[in-house]
Amino acid sequence: MRSLLAVLMLVISSAPLGGVQAEAPDGDVSSSFDIVLMGDRQTESMSATFQEIIESRVIESSIEAITGESLGMAGHLAFYMEGLSPWQEVLSTQSDYLLLQPEATEISKHPASAGFGSLSSSMTDISSIAGGMPSDPVLLIPWAHMRGDSSRPITHGSFQAMNQAIENGSMSLMGDSSTGIQFAIPADEAYDMVYRDVLESGSDPLSANSQFARLYESDGVNASEEGSYLVSCTILLSLLDEVRDDSDSPLT
């Protein structure tokens, strides 16, 4: 199977949404790097690993995760729609990036559905509040659940089906100019690349010992240590055009 570095390079080069490369206004990577992560429990599951990686790479950095979990709130969309005002100052004064990761079960809904419409409106509201930031908001595309969305077993009952729906939803969000989102980080593609590598090797990606299954916690939703590393490196490569040395990767 491919090394982590090869997976990451392929993810960025082949991403259907064009990767990110959403550089800071001066085009340079400075010694200060401030990021706000806004999302759900998937975001929460990888935020600590991402902070460790950024801190080891950038002299001064600040990673703030704003999620329903970090605030003790269960409702992802409710947080998006009702919990924005207290963070207006934070979002308007951050010096670098705002990464938005919608809930996987929401962004995978049909673009014409009411649920997707609520998500799109929330993205628009967040982008408006974050309008004072020097860079545009960036969509951190969520990865599909390991066995798909159990609440929609017919249409989204597998990783690949849910992943395709997430990609479709991401393209719809970015195609809507009102959301203010022009760039995307393909974390979904990183997971998909590992899934296909395992499948092409003749192994079952859903086997408990597979490299793909090890990207998830036991719930099959959140990122494990290995999954967090993969997503974090995808973000790092997308924003800074650099990747970490593979020697300390938990992926084998």
Foldseek 3Di string as FASTA:
>chain_A
DDALVVLLVCCQVVPPLNFFQQEFPVRDDALEEEEEEEEEVQCVQQQVVLVVVVVVVHVHYHYHYHYCVVVVHHDGLCCLVPVCVVCLVVLLPTAHAYEYEYDLVQLLDDCVDPSLVSVLVSLLVNQVSNVNYRTGYEYEQFAAFCQFDPVCCPQTRGRVSSLVSSSVSVVVSCVDVSSRYRHYQPLRSSLVSQCVVCVVVVHHLCPCPGLSVQQDDPVSGHGDQQVSLSSSQSVCCRHVVDGDDSPPHPRD
